[in-house]
């Protein structure tokens, strides 16, 4: 299966993935260090954002490395 995304769309996807991953990680660290005790639902937001960012990057890097092996 060939990747039909344009180079601009791939670059935007990588940037969005990196920003989401970094934002989720920094949000989690900030909540861990500087917030009062909160419910578990609030902890799920930065973890969810970081996970989605990681999945976007995984999809981009997987297609990049599979293309390199051919």
PDB file of N, CA and C in Angstrom:
ATOM      1  N   UNK A   1       0.840  -1.182   0.000  1.00  0.00           N
ATOM      2  CA  UNK A   1       0.000   0.000   0.000  1.00  0.00           C
ATOM      3  C   UNK A   1       0.883   1.241   0.000  1.00  0.00           C
ATOM      4  N   UNK A   2       0.686   2.061  -0.969  1.00  0.00           N
ATOM      5  CA  UNK A   2       1.535   3.235  -1.145  1.00  0.00           C
ATOM      6  C   UNK A   2       0.942   4.441  -0.430  1.00  0.00           C
ATOM      7  N   UNK A   3       1.822   5.245   0.136  1.00  0.00           N
ATOM      8  CA  UNK A   3       1.393   6.457   0.821  1.00  0.00           C
ATOM      9  C   UNK A   3       1.178   7.555  -0.213  1.00  0.00           C
ATOM     10  N   UNK A   4      -0.041   8.083  -0.294  1.00  0.00           N
ATOM     11  CA  UNK A   4      -0.368   9.073  -1.327  1.00  0.00           C
ATOM     12  C   UNK A   4      -0.412  10.502  -0.791  1.00  0.00           C
ATOM     13  N   UNK A   5       0.060  10.710   0.428  1.00  0.00           N
ATOM     14  CA  UNK A   5       0.038  12.061   0.987  1.00  0.00           C
ATOM     15  C   UNK A   5       1.131  12.918   0.367  1.00  0.00           C
ATOM     16  N   UNK A   6       0.824  14.195   0.202  1.00  0.00           N
ATOM     17  CA  UNK A   6       1.804  15.126  -0.353  1.00  0.00           C
ATOM     18  C   UNK A   6       2.866  15.439   0.701  1.00  0.00           C
ATOM     19  N   UNK A   7       4.037  15.923   0.286  1.00  0.00           N
ATOM     20  CA  UNK A   7       5.090  16.271   1.251  1.00  0.00           C
ATOM     21  C   UNK A   7       4.648  17.337   2.262  1.00  0.00           C
ATOM     22  N   UNK A   8       3.822  18.291   1.827  1.00  0.00           N
ATOM     23  CA  UNK A   8       3.358  19.336   2.748  1.00  0.00           C
ATOM     24  C   UNK A   8       2.451  18.714   3.820  1.00  0.00           C
ATOM     25  N   UNK A   9       1.567  17.824   3.403  1.00  0.00           N
ATOM     26  CA  UNK A   9       0.671  17.193   4.369  1.00  0.00           C
ATOM     27  C   UNK A   9       1.451  16.316   5.348  1.00  0.00           C
ATOM     28  N   UNK A  10       2.482  15.640   4.876  1.00  0.00           N
ATOM     29  CA  UNK A  10       3.328  14.841   5.765  1.00  0.00           C
ATOM     30  C   UNK A  10       4.048  15.735   6.777  1.00  0.00           C
ATOM     31  N   UNK A  11       4.565  16.866   6.318  1.00  0.00           N
ATOM     32  CA  UNK A  11       5.270  17.785   7.221  1.00  0.00           C
ATOM     33  C   UNK A  11       4.312  18.350   8.265  1.00  0.00           C
ATOM     34  N   UNK A  12       3.121  18.728   7.840  1.00  0.00           N
ATOM     35  CA  UNK A  12       2.134  19.245   8.784  1.00  0.00           C
ATOM     36  C   UNK A  12       1.767  18.175   9.798  1.00  0.00           C
ATOM     37  N   UNK A  13       1.614  16.950   9.341  1.00  0.00           N
ATOM     38  CA  UNK A  13       1.273  15.853  10.238  1.00  0.00           C
ATOM     39  C   UNK A  13       2.374  15.611  11.271  1.00  0.00           C
ATOM     40  N   UNK A  14       3.623  15.675  10.846  1.00  0.00           N
ATOM     41  CA  UNK A  14       4.740  15.487  11.781  1.00  0.00           C
ATOM     42  C   UNK A  14       4.782  16.618  12.800  1.00  0.00           C
ATOM     43  N   UNK A  15       4.583  17.853  12.357  1.00  0.00           N
ATOM     44  CA  UNK A  15       4.595  19.001  13.273  1.00  0.00           C
ATOM     45  C   UNK A  15       3.447  18.885  14.282  1.00  0.00           C
ATOM     46  N   UNK A  16       2.262  18.547  13.801  1.00  0.00           N
ATOM     47  CA  UNK A  16       1.115  18.406  14.710  1.00  0.00           C
ATOM     48  C   UNK A  16       1.361  17.275  15.704  1.00  0.00           C
ATOM     49  N   UNK A  17       1.898  16.168  15.237  1.00  0.00           N
ATOM     50  CA  UNK A  17       2.200  15.056  16.131  1.00  0.00           C
ATOM     51  C   UNK A  17       3.212  15.429  17.201  1.00  0.00           C
ATOM     52  N   UNK A  18       4.264  16.136  16.805  1.00  0.00           N
ATOM     53  CA  UNK A  18       5.275  16.563  17.779  1.00  0.00           C
ATOM     54  C   UNK A  18       4.700  17.544  18.799  1.00  0.00           C
ATOM     55  N   UNK A  19       3.894  18.491  18.325  1.00  0.00           N
ATOM     56  CA  UNK A  19       3.293  19.464  19.250  1.00  0.00           C
ATOM     57  C   UNK A  19       2.334  18.795  20.221  1.00  0.00           C
ATOM     58  N   UNK A  20       1.539  17.857  19.729  1.00  0.00           N
ATOM     59  CA  UNK A  20       0.604  17.163  20.619  1.00  0.00           C
ATOM     60  C   UNK A  20       1.349  16.302  21.640  1.00  0.00           C
ATOM     61  N   UNK A  21       2.381  15.612  21.192  1.00  0.00           N
ATOM     62  CA  UNK A  21       3.162  14.777  22.112  1.00  0.00           C
ATOM     63  C   UNK A  21       3.840  15.638  23.172  1.00  0.00           C
ATOM     64  N   UNK A  22       4.473  16.723  22.744  1.00  0.00           N
ATOM     65  CA  UNK A  22       5.153  17.609  23.698  1.00  0.00           C
ATOM     66  C   UNK A  22       4.148  18.278  24.638  1.00  0.00           C
ATOM     67  N   UNK A  23       3.027  18.740  24.097  1.00  0.00           N
ATOM     68  CA  UNK A  23       2.016  19.375  24.941  1.00  0.00           C
ATOM     69  C   UNK A  23       1.440  18.425  25.969  1.00  0.00           C
ATOM     70  N   UNK A  24       1.200  17.190  25.579  1.00  0.00           N
ATOM     71  CA  UNK A  24       0.682  16.204  26.522  1.00  0.00           C
ATOM     72  C   UNK A  24       1.674  15.874  27.625  1.00  0.00           C
ATOM     73  N   UNK A  25       2.932  15.718  27.240  1.00  0.00           N
ATOM     74  CA  UNK A  25       3.966  15.400  28.239  1.00  0.00           C
ATOM     75  C   UNK A  25       4.159  16.575  29.194  1.00  0.00           C
ATOM     76  N   UNK A  26       4.278  17.776  28.660  1.00  0.00           N
ATOM     77  CA  UNK A  26       4.456  18.945  29.526  1.00  0.00           C
ATOM     78  C   UNK A  26       3.218  19.213  30.373  1.00  0.00           C
ATOM     79  N   UNK A  27       2.037  18.976  29.817  1.00  0.00           N
ATOM     80  CA  UNK A  27       0.812  19.122  30.612  1.00  0.00           C
ATOM     81  C   UNK A  27       0.773  18.143  31.765  1.00  0.00           C
ATOM     82  N   UNK A  28       1.187  16.911  31.511  1.00  0.00           N
ATOM     83  CA  UNK A  28       1.226  15.912  32.576  1.00  0.00           C
ATOM     84  C   UNK A  28       2.235  16.297  33.648  1.00  0.00           C
ATOM     85  N   UNK A  29       3.419  16.728  33.226  1.00  0.00           N
ATOM     86  CA  UNK A  29       4.455  17.119  34.194  1.00  0.00           C
ATOM     87  C   UNK A  29       3.991  18.323  35.013  1.00  0.00           C
ATOM     88  N   UNK A  30       3.374  19.301  34.351  1.00  0.00           N
ATOM     89  CA  UNK A  30       2.895  20.476  35.068  1.00  0.00           C
ATOM     90  C   UNK A  30       1.832  20.086  36.103  1.00  0.00           C
ATOM     91  N   UNK A  31       0.883  19.252  35.706  1.00  0.00           N
ATOM     92  CA  UNK A  31      -0.153  18.822  36.642  1.00  0.00           C
ATOM     93  C   UNK A  31       0.443  18.025  37.788  1.00  0.00           C
ATOM     94  N   UNK A  32       1.438  17.200  37.481  1.00  0.00           N
ATOM     95  CA  UNK A  32       2.059  16.373  38.520  1.00  0.00           C
ATOM     96  C   UNK A  32       2.807  17.218  39.542  1.00  0.00           C
ATOM     97  N   UNK A  33       3.488  18.263  39.075  1.00  0.00           N
ATOM     98  CA  UNK A  33       4.328  19.045  39.973  1.00  0.00           C
ATOM     99  C   UNK A  33       3.612  20.214  40.646  1.00  0.00           C
ATOM    100  N   UNK A  34       2.646  20.849  39.968  1.00  0.00           N
ATOM    101  CA  UNK A  34       2.127  22.116  40.462  1.00  0.00           C
ATOM    102  C   UNK A  34       0.636  22.138  40.782  1.00  0.00           C
ATOM    103  N   UNK A  35      -0.055  21.032  40.706  1.00  0.00           N
ATOM    104  CA  UNK A  35      -1.488  21.080  40.974  1.00  0.00           C
ATOM    105  C   UNK A  35      -1.822  20.399  42.297  1.00  0.00           C
ATOM    106  N   UNK A  36      -2.950  20.782  42.818  1.00  0.00           N
ATOM    107  CA  UNK A  36      -3.467  20.116  44.000  1.00  0.00           C
ATOM    108  C   UNK A  36      -4.042  18.771  43.571  1.00  0.00           C
ATOM    109  N   UNK A  37      -4.377  17.923  44.509  1.00  0.00           N
ATOM    110  CA  UNK A  37      -4.957  16.634  44.122  1.00  0.00           C
ATOM    111  C   UNK A  37      -6.225  16.835  43.281  1.00  0.00           C
ATOM    112  N   UNK A  38      -6.273  16.172  42.147  1.00  0.00           N
ATOM    113  CA  UNK A  38      -7.422  16.252  41.248  1.00  0.00           C
ATOM    114  C   UNK A  38      -7.898  14.849  40.924  1.00  0.00           C
ATOM    115  N   UNK A  39      -9.094  14.774  40.357  1.00  0.00           N
ATOM    116  CA  UNK A  39      -9.649  13.483  39.992  1.00  0.00           C
ATOM    117  C   UNK A  39      -8.914  12.889  38.797  1.00  0.00           C
ATOM    118  N   UNK A  40      -9.059  11.619  38.626  1.00  0.00           N
ATOM    119  CA  UNK A  40      -8.387  10.912  37.543  1.00  0.00           C
ATOM    120  C   UNK A  40      -8.790  11.367  36.167  1.00  0.00           C
ATOM    121  N   UNK A  41     -10.012  11.883  36.028  1.00  0.00           N
ATOM    122  CA  UNK A  41     -10.466  12.350  34.723  1.00  0.00           C
ATOM    123  C   UNK A  41      -9.595  13.487  34.200  1.00  0.00           C
ATOM    124  N   UNK A  42      -9.110  14.337  35.082  1.00  0.00           N
ATOM    125  CA  UNK A  42      -8.259  15.448  34.650  1.00  0.00           C
ATOM    126  C   UNK A  42      -6.886  14.963  34.200  1.00  0.00           C
ATOM    127  N   UNK A  43      -6.427  13.854  34.765  1.00  0.00           N
ATOM    128  CA  UNK A  43      -5.144  13.302  34.353  1.00  0.00           C
ATOM    129  C   UNK A  43      -5.230  12.659  32.979  1.00  0.00           C
ATOM    130  N   UNK A  44      -6.416  12.262  32.588  1.00  0.00           N
ATOM    131  CA  UNK A  44      -6.569  11.588  31.298  1.00  0.00           C
ATOM    132  C   UNK A  44      -6.364  12.533  30.121  1.00  0.00           C
ATOM    133  N   UNK A  45      -6.647  13.819  30.275  1.00  0.00           N
ATOM    134  CA  UNK A  45      -6.541  14.761  29.162  1.00  0.00           C
ATOM    135  C   UNK A  45      -5.109  14.863  28.612  1.00  0.00           C
ATOM    136  N   UNK A  46      -4.092  15.168  29.424  1.00  0.00           N
ATOM    137  CA  UNK A  46      -2.746  15.252  28.838  1.00  0.00           C
ATOM    138  C   UNK A  46      -2.222  13.901  28.357  1.00  0.00           C
ATOM    139  N   UNK A  47      -2.611  12.833  29.034  1.00  0.00           N
ATOM    140  CA  UNK A  47      -2.187  11.498  28.595  1.00  0.00           C
ATOM    141  C   UNK A  47      -2.815  11.177  27.238  1.00  0.00           C
ATOM    142  N   UNK A  48      -4.077  11.525  27.062  1.00  0.00           N
ATOM    143  CA  UNK A  48      -4.771  11.290  25.805  1.00  0.00           C
ATOM    144  C   UNK A  48      -4.146  12.100  24.677  1.00  0.00           C
ATOM    145  N   UNK A  49      -3.840  13.363  24.929  1.00  0.00           N
ATOM    146  CA  UNK A  49      -3.223  14.223  23.902  1.00  0.00           C
ATOM    147  C   UNK A  49      -1.851  13.680  23.516  1.00  0.00           C
ATOM    148  N   UNK A  50      -1.051  13.267  24.496  1.00  0.00           N
ATOM    149  CA  UNK A  50       0.270  12.719  24.199  1.00  0.00           C
ATOM    150  C   UNK A  50       0.160  11.412  23.424  1.00  0.00           C
ATOM    151  N   UNK A  51      -0.822  10.593  23.749  1.00  0.00           N
ATOM    152  CA  UNK A  51      -1.008   9.329  23.045  1.00  0.00           C
ATOM    153  C   UNK A  51      -1.391   9.555  21.587  1.00  0.00           C
ATOM    154  N   UNK A  52      -2.312  10.469  21.350  1.00  0.00           N
ATOM    155  CA  UNK A  52      -2.713  10.767  19.975  1.00  0.00           C
ATOM    156  C   UNK A  52      -1.516  11.321  19.186  1.00  0.00           C
ATOM    157  N   UNK A  53      -0.738  12.212  19.799  1.00  0.00           N
ATOM    158  CA  UNK A  53       0.458  12.734  19.134  1.00  0.00           C
ATOM    159  C   UNK A  53       1.452  11.631  18.807  1.00  0.00           C
ATOM    160  N   UNK A  54       1.640  10.709  19.734  1.00  0.00           N
ATOM    161  CA  UNK A  54       2.535   9.581  19.483  1.00  0.00           C
ATOM    162  C   UNK A  54       2.032   8.685  18.366  1.00  0.00           C
ATOM    163  N   UNK A  55       0.731   8.473  18.302  1.00  0.00           N
ATOM    164  CA  UNK A  55       0.172   7.646  17.232  1.00  0.00           C
ATOM    165  C   UNK A  55       0.304   8.319  15.870  1.00  0.00           C
ATOM    166  N   UNK A  56       0.141   9.622  15.813  1.00  0.00           N
ATOM    167  CA  UNK A  56       0.337  10.345  14.554  1.00  0.00           C
ATOM    168  C   UNK A  56       1.785  10.204  14.094  1.00  0.00           C
ATOM    169  N   UNK A  57       2.720  10.386  15.020  1.00  0.00           N
ATOM    170  CA  UNK A  57       4.136  10.239  14.658  1.00  0.00           C
ATOM    171  C   UNK A  57       4.462   8.804  14.266  1.00  0.00           C
ATOM    172  N   UNK A  58       3.884   7.841  14.969  1.00  0.00           N
ATOM    173  CA  UNK A  58       4.123   6.429  14.648  1.00  0.00           C
ATOM    174  C   UNK A  58       3.685   6.136  13.208  1.00  0.00           C
ATOM    175  N   UNK A  59       2.524   6.640  12.818  1.00  0.00           N
ATOM    176  CA  UNK A  59       2.026   6.408  11.464  1.00  0.00           C
ATOM    177  C   UNK A  59       2.952   7.036  10.429  1.00  0.00           C
ATOM    178  N   UNK A  60       3.421   8.249  10.696  1.00  0.00           N
ATOM    179  CA  UNK A  60       4.323   8.916   9.753  1.00  0.00           C
ATOM    180  C   UNK A  60       5.669   8.212   9.664  1.00  0.00           C
ATOM    181  N   UNK A  61       6.240   7.848  10.786  1.00  0.00           N
ATOM    182  CA  UNK A  61       7.550   7.208  10.783  1.00  0.00           C
ATOM    183  C   UNK A  61       7.477   5.787  10.225  1.00  0.00           C
ATOM    184  N   UNK A  62       6.388   5.076  10.473  1.00  0.00           N
ATOM    185  CA  UNK A  62       6.234   3.720   9.947  1.00  0.00           C
ATOM    186  C   UNK A  62       6.230   3.743   8.425  1.00  0.00           C
ATOM    187  N   UNK A  63       5.486   4.678   7.838  1.00  0.00           N
ATOM    188  CA  UNK A  63       5.455   4.765   6.373  1.00  0.00           C
ATOM    189  C   UNK A  63       6.809   5.211   5.832  1.00  0.00           C
ATOM    190  N   UNK A  64       7.527   6.065   6.577  1.00  0.00           N
ATOM    191  CA  UNK A  64       8.843   6.523   6.131  1.00  0.00           C
ATOM    192  C   UNK A  64       9.844   5.376   6.134  1.00  0.00           C
ATOM    193  N   UNK A  65       9.877   4.591   7.226  1.00  0.00           N
ATOM    194  CA  UNK A  65      10.851   3.511   7.317  1.00  0.00           C
ATOM    195  C   UNK A  65      10.508   2.338   6.418  1.00  0.00           C
ATOM    196  N   UNK A  66       9.252   2.076   6.183  1.00  0.00           N
ATOM    197  CA  UNK A  66       8.907   0.990   5.275  1.00  0.00           C
ATOM    198  C   UNK A  66       9.277   1.369   3.837  1.00  0.00           C
ATOM    199  N   UNK A  67       9.224   2.645   3.511  1.00  0.00           N
ATOM    200  CA  UNK A  67       9.628   3.094   2.182  1.00  0.00           C
ATOM    201  C   UNK A  67      11.148   3.005   2.037  1.00  0.00           C
ATOM    202  N   UNK A  68      11.900   3.232   3.116  1.00  0.00           N
ATOM    203  CA  UNK A  68      13.355   3.185   3.063  1.00  0.00           C
ATOM    204  C   UNK A  68      13.865   1.762   2.845  1.00  0.00           C
ATOM    205  N   UNK A  69      13.152   0.769   3.311  1.00  0.00           N
ATOM    206  CA  UNK A  69      13.616  -0.618   3.193  1.00  0.00           C
ATOM    207  C   UNK A  69      13.452  -1.169   1.786  1.00  0.00           C
ATOM    208  N   UNK A  70      12.600  -0.588   0.980  1.00  0.00           N
ATOM    209  CA  UNK A  70      12.373  -1.092  -0.387  1.00  0.00           C
ATOM    210  C   UNK A  70      13.480  -0.744  -1.319  1.00  0.00           C
TER     211      UNK A  70
END
